[in-house]
N, C-alpha and C. Protein backbone atom coordinates (compact mmCIF):
# COMPACT_ATOMS: atom_id res chain seq x y z
N UNK A 1 26.12 -66.64 5.34
CA UNK A 1 24.73 -66.46 4.95
C UNK A 1 24.32 -65.01 5.23
N UNK A 2 23.56 -64.43 4.31
CA UNK A 2 23.14 -63.05 4.45
C UNK A 2 21.98 -62.94 5.43
N UNK A 3 22.02 -61.90 6.25
CA UNK A 3 20.95 -61.65 7.20
C UNK A 3 19.70 -61.21 6.43
N UNK A 4 18.57 -61.93 6.58
CA UNK A 4 17.38 -61.59 5.79
C UNK A 4 16.77 -60.25 6.18
N UNK A 5 17.15 -59.69 7.34
CA UNK A 5 16.58 -58.43 7.80
C UNK A 5 17.46 -57.23 7.50
N UNK A 6 18.63 -57.44 6.93
CA UNK A 6 19.49 -56.30 6.63
C UNK A 6 19.16 -55.77 5.24
N UNK A 7 19.26 -54.46 5.11
CA UNK A 7 18.97 -53.81 3.84
C UNK A 7 20.28 -53.58 3.10
N UNK A 8 20.27 -53.69 1.79
CA UNK A 8 21.48 -53.40 1.04
C UNK A 8 21.83 -51.93 1.15
N UNK A 9 23.10 -51.62 1.02
CA UNK A 9 23.55 -50.23 1.11
C UNK A 9 22.95 -49.43 -0.04
N UNK A 10 22.49 -48.24 0.28
CA UNK A 10 21.88 -47.39 -0.74
C UNK A 10 22.95 -46.85 -1.67
N UNK A 11 22.64 -46.79 -2.93
CA UNK A 11 23.53 -46.22 -3.93
C UNK A 11 22.94 -44.89 -4.37
N UNK A 12 23.80 -43.99 -4.77
CA UNK A 12 23.31 -42.70 -5.26
C UNK A 12 23.88 -41.57 -4.44
N UNK A 13 23.30 -40.37 -4.57
CA UNK A 13 23.85 -39.21 -3.88
C UNK A 13 23.75 -39.38 -2.37
N UNK A 14 24.79 -38.94 -1.70
CA UNK A 14 24.82 -39.03 -0.25
C UNK A 14 23.97 -37.92 0.35
N UNK A 15 23.10 -38.30 1.25
CA UNK A 15 22.28 -37.32 1.95
C UNK A 15 23.04 -36.86 3.18
N UNK A 16 22.82 -35.62 3.62
CA UNK A 16 23.49 -35.16 4.83
C UNK A 16 23.01 -35.94 6.04
N UNK A 17 23.90 -36.16 6.97
CA UNK A 17 23.54 -36.84 8.20
C UNK A 17 22.68 -35.91 9.05
N UNK A 18 21.64 -36.45 9.65
CA UNK A 18 20.77 -35.66 10.50
C UNK A 18 21.17 -35.91 11.94
N UNK A 19 21.74 -34.88 12.54
CA UNK A 19 22.06 -34.92 13.96
C UNK A 19 21.33 -33.77 14.60
N UNK A 20 20.98 -33.90 15.83
CA UNK A 20 20.18 -32.89 16.52
C UNK A 20 21.01 -31.66 16.88
N UNK A 21 22.24 -31.54 16.38
CA UNK A 21 23.10 -30.44 16.78
C UNK A 21 22.81 -29.15 16.01
N UNK A 22 22.19 -29.22 14.84
CA UNK A 22 21.92 -28.00 14.08
C UNK A 22 20.42 -27.71 14.08
N UNK A 23 20.06 -26.43 13.95
CA UNK A 23 18.64 -26.10 13.90
C UNK A 23 17.94 -26.72 12.69
N UNK A 24 18.66 -26.82 11.56
CA UNK A 24 18.07 -27.43 10.37
C UNK A 24 17.76 -28.90 10.61
N UNK A 25 18.68 -29.59 11.26
CA UNK A 25 18.47 -31.01 11.54
C UNK A 25 17.32 -31.22 12.51
N UNK A 26 17.22 -30.33 13.49
CA UNK A 26 16.13 -30.44 14.46
C UNK A 26 14.78 -30.20 13.77
N UNK A 27 14.74 -29.22 12.88
CA UNK A 27 13.52 -28.93 12.13
C UNK A 27 13.14 -30.11 11.23
N UNK A 28 14.13 -30.69 10.56
CA UNK A 28 13.87 -31.83 9.68
C UNK A 28 13.35 -33.02 10.48
N UNK A 29 13.94 -33.25 11.64
CA UNK A 29 13.49 -34.37 12.48
C UNK A 29 12.09 -34.12 13.01
N UNK A 30 11.79 -32.89 13.39
CA UNK A 30 10.44 -32.56 13.86
C UNK A 30 9.41 -32.73 12.74
N UNK A 31 9.79 -32.34 11.51
CA UNK A 31 8.90 -32.52 10.37
C UNK A 31 8.59 -34.00 10.17
N UNK A 32 9.64 -34.82 10.23
CA UNK A 32 9.43 -36.26 10.06
C UNK A 32 8.57 -36.82 11.19
N UNK A 33 8.76 -36.33 12.41
CA UNK A 33 7.96 -36.80 13.54
C UNK A 33 6.48 -36.46 13.35
N UNK A 34 6.19 -35.25 12.87
CA UNK A 34 4.80 -34.86 12.64
C UNK A 34 4.20 -35.71 11.51
N UNK A 35 4.97 -35.90 10.44
CA UNK A 35 4.50 -36.72 9.32
C UNK A 35 4.19 -38.14 9.80
N UNK A 36 5.12 -38.73 10.55
CA UNK A 36 4.90 -40.08 11.05
C UNK A 36 3.72 -40.14 12.02
N UNK A 37 3.57 -39.11 12.85
CA UNK A 37 2.43 -39.04 13.76
C UNK A 37 1.11 -39.06 13.01
N UNK A 38 1.04 -38.32 11.90
CA UNK A 38 -0.17 -38.32 11.08
C UNK A 38 -0.42 -39.70 10.45
N UNK A 39 0.66 -40.33 10.02
CA UNK A 39 0.53 -41.68 9.44
C UNK A 39 0.02 -42.67 10.50
N UNK A 40 0.59 -42.60 11.70
CA UNK A 40 0.14 -43.49 12.77
C UNK A 40 -1.30 -43.19 13.16
N UNK A 41 -1.68 -41.91 13.15
CA UNK A 41 -3.06 -41.54 13.47
C UNK A 41 -4.03 -42.20 12.50
N UNK A 42 -3.73 -42.13 11.21
CA UNK A 42 -4.58 -42.78 10.21
C UNK A 42 -4.62 -44.29 10.41
N UNK A 43 -3.47 -44.86 10.73
CA UNK A 43 -3.41 -46.30 10.95
C UNK A 43 -4.27 -46.70 12.15
N UNK A 44 -4.17 -45.95 13.23
CA UNK A 44 -4.92 -46.29 14.44
C UNK A 44 -6.43 -46.07 14.25
N UNK A 45 -6.79 -45.06 13.47
CA UNK A 45 -8.21 -44.83 13.22
C UNK A 45 -8.84 -45.98 12.45
N UNK A 46 -8.06 -46.63 11.61
CA UNK A 46 -8.58 -47.69 10.76
C UNK A 46 -8.33 -49.09 11.31
N UNK A 47 -7.81 -49.17 12.52
CA UNK A 47 -7.57 -50.49 13.10
C UNK A 47 -8.68 -50.83 14.08
N UNK A 48 -9.19 -51.99 13.95
CA UNK A 48 -10.23 -52.45 14.86
C UNK A 48 -11.56 -51.77 14.60
N UNK A 49 -12.58 -52.35 15.12
CA UNK A 49 -13.92 -51.79 14.97
C UNK A 49 -14.44 -51.35 16.32
N UNK A 50 -15.16 -50.26 16.32
CA UNK A 50 -15.79 -49.81 17.56
C UNK A 50 -16.92 -50.78 17.89
N UNK A 51 -16.83 -51.35 19.03
CA UNK A 51 -17.85 -52.32 19.43
C UNK A 51 -18.41 -51.97 20.77
N UNK A 52 -18.91 -52.97 21.43
CA UNK A 52 -19.49 -52.79 22.75
C UNK A 52 -18.49 -52.23 23.75
N UNK A 53 -17.24 -52.62 23.62
CA UNK A 53 -16.23 -52.23 24.59
C UNK A 53 -15.34 -51.10 24.07
N UNK A 54 -15.89 -50.26 23.24
CA UNK A 54 -15.15 -49.12 22.70
C UNK A 54 -14.85 -48.15 23.83
N UNK A 55 -13.73 -47.46 23.70
CA UNK A 55 -13.31 -46.52 24.72
C UNK A 55 -13.97 -45.16 24.63
N UNK A 56 -14.77 -44.95 23.61
CA UNK A 56 -15.48 -43.69 23.47
C UNK A 56 -14.54 -42.53 23.20
N UNK A 57 -14.87 -41.37 23.76
CA UNK A 57 -14.07 -40.17 23.50
C UNK A 57 -12.69 -40.26 24.14
N UNK A 58 -12.57 -40.94 25.25
CA UNK A 58 -11.26 -41.09 25.89
C UNK A 58 -10.31 -41.88 25.00
N UNK A 59 -10.84 -42.88 24.31
CA UNK A 59 -10.01 -43.65 23.39
C UNK A 59 -9.55 -42.79 22.22
N UNK A 60 -10.41 -41.91 21.75
CA UNK A 60 -10.04 -41.00 20.66
C UNK A 60 -8.88 -40.11 21.07
N UNK A 61 -8.92 -39.57 22.28
CA UNK A 61 -7.84 -38.72 22.79
C UNK A 61 -6.57 -39.54 22.94
N UNK A 62 -6.69 -40.72 23.50
CA UNK A 62 -5.52 -41.57 23.70
C UNK A 62 -4.87 -41.94 22.38
N UNK A 63 -5.67 -42.24 21.37
CA UNK A 63 -5.12 -42.60 20.06
C UNK A 63 -4.31 -41.44 19.48
N UNK A 64 -4.82 -40.21 19.65
CA UNK A 64 -4.08 -39.05 19.16
C UNK A 64 -2.75 -38.88 19.86
N UNK A 65 -2.75 -39.03 21.17
CA UNK A 65 -1.51 -38.91 21.95
C UNK A 65 -0.56 -40.04 21.58
N UNK A 66 -1.09 -41.26 21.46
CA UNK A 66 -0.26 -42.41 21.10
C UNK A 66 0.38 -42.21 19.73
N UNK A 67 -0.39 -41.72 18.76
CA UNK A 67 0.15 -41.49 17.42
C UNK A 67 1.26 -40.46 17.44
N UNK A 68 1.07 -39.39 18.21
CA UNK A 68 2.10 -38.35 18.32
C UNK A 68 3.38 -38.90 18.95
N UNK A 69 3.23 -39.64 20.03
CA UNK A 69 4.40 -40.20 20.72
C UNK A 69 5.11 -41.22 19.85
N UNK A 70 4.36 -42.05 19.13
CA UNK A 70 4.98 -43.02 18.22
C UNK A 70 5.77 -42.30 17.13
N UNK A 71 5.19 -41.25 16.56
CA UNK A 71 5.88 -40.48 15.52
C UNK A 71 7.17 -39.88 16.03
N UNK A 72 7.13 -39.29 17.23
CA UNK A 72 8.33 -38.70 17.82
C UNK A 72 9.41 -39.74 18.07
N UNK A 73 9.02 -40.87 18.59
CA UNK A 73 10.00 -41.91 18.93
C UNK A 73 10.62 -42.53 17.69
N UNK A 74 9.80 -42.80 16.68
CA UNK A 74 10.33 -43.39 15.44
C UNK A 74 11.28 -42.40 14.77
N UNK A 75 10.93 -41.12 14.73
CA UNK A 75 11.80 -40.11 14.12
C UNK A 75 13.10 -39.98 14.91
N UNK A 76 13.01 -40.04 16.23
CA UNK A 76 14.22 -39.92 17.07
C UNK A 76 15.17 -41.09 16.84
N UNK A 77 14.62 -42.25 16.53
CA UNK A 77 15.44 -43.46 16.35
C UNK A 77 15.87 -43.69 14.90
N UNK A 78 15.74 -42.67 14.06
CA UNK A 78 16.22 -42.80 12.69
C UNK A 78 15.14 -42.62 11.65
N UNK A 79 13.91 -42.76 12.03
CA UNK A 79 12.80 -42.52 11.13
C UNK A 79 12.75 -43.42 9.92
N UNK A 80 12.17 -42.90 8.86
CA UNK A 80 12.01 -43.65 7.63
C UNK A 80 12.83 -43.06 6.50
N UNK A 81 13.73 -42.16 6.85
CA UNK A 81 14.60 -41.57 5.84
C UNK A 81 14.09 -40.26 5.27
N UNK A 82 13.07 -39.70 5.84
CA UNK A 82 12.51 -38.45 5.36
C UNK A 82 13.31 -37.24 5.84
N UNK A 83 13.80 -37.28 7.06
CA UNK A 83 14.52 -36.14 7.63
C UNK A 83 15.75 -35.72 6.82
N UNK A 84 16.59 -36.65 6.34
CA UNK A 84 17.74 -36.21 5.54
C UNK A 84 17.33 -35.48 4.25
N UNK A 85 16.27 -35.93 3.63
CA UNK A 85 15.79 -35.28 2.41
C UNK A 85 15.26 -33.88 2.72
N UNK A 86 14.50 -33.77 3.80
CA UNK A 86 13.98 -32.47 4.21
C UNK A 86 15.13 -31.53 4.57
N UNK A 87 16.11 -32.04 5.30
CA UNK A 87 17.25 -31.21 5.67
C UNK A 87 18.02 -30.74 4.44
N UNK A 88 18.18 -31.62 3.46
CA UNK A 88 18.86 -31.24 2.23
C UNK A 88 18.12 -30.09 1.54
N UNK A 89 16.80 -30.17 1.50
CA UNK A 89 16.02 -29.10 0.88
C UNK A 89 16.09 -27.80 1.68
N UNK A 90 16.10 -27.90 3.00
CA UNK A 90 16.24 -26.71 3.84
C UNK A 90 17.57 -26.02 3.55
N UNK A 91 18.64 -26.81 3.49
CA UNK A 91 19.96 -26.25 3.22
C UNK A 91 20.03 -25.62 1.84
N UNK A 92 19.41 -26.26 0.85
CA UNK A 92 19.40 -25.71 -0.51
C UNK A 92 18.66 -24.37 -0.54
N UNK A 93 17.52 -24.31 0.16
CA UNK A 93 16.76 -23.06 0.19
C UNK A 93 17.55 -21.96 0.89
N UNK A 94 18.24 -22.31 1.96
CA UNK A 94 19.04 -21.31 2.68
C UNK A 94 20.22 -20.82 1.85
N UNK A 95 20.75 -21.66 0.98
CA UNK A 95 21.88 -21.28 0.14
C UNK A 95 21.42 -20.62 -1.15
N UNK A 96 20.11 -20.56 -1.36
CA UNK A 96 19.57 -19.90 -2.54
C UNK A 96 19.60 -20.74 -3.80
N UNK A 97 19.75 -22.05 -3.65
CA UNK A 97 19.75 -22.92 -4.82
C UNK A 97 18.33 -23.24 -5.23
N UNK A 98 18.16 -23.46 -6.52
CA UNK A 98 16.85 -23.87 -7.04
C UNK A 98 16.66 -25.35 -6.74
N UNK A 99 15.40 -25.74 -6.55
CA UNK A 99 15.11 -27.14 -6.24
C UNK A 99 15.07 -27.96 -7.47
């Protein structure tokens, strides 16, 4: 029986593996972390309603820090597949290829 949580293997051009050993890979992973952090920030801003027990300005600061940390952690653990695409474009630009 097939595992309902496994994704089928992707078909198409192979993307470069993103490892933290090269500066390009580190930059691509950082880009994905910032992107994910912004996505989490928007998600957290729109979750729940400010009520009587709202955290006020401290909650706003905490949400920003939480979003940043979530973005970093998700990117470090493989992300959403954005880093390989970004790294591919970085390498193409460095080699002088047109996009």
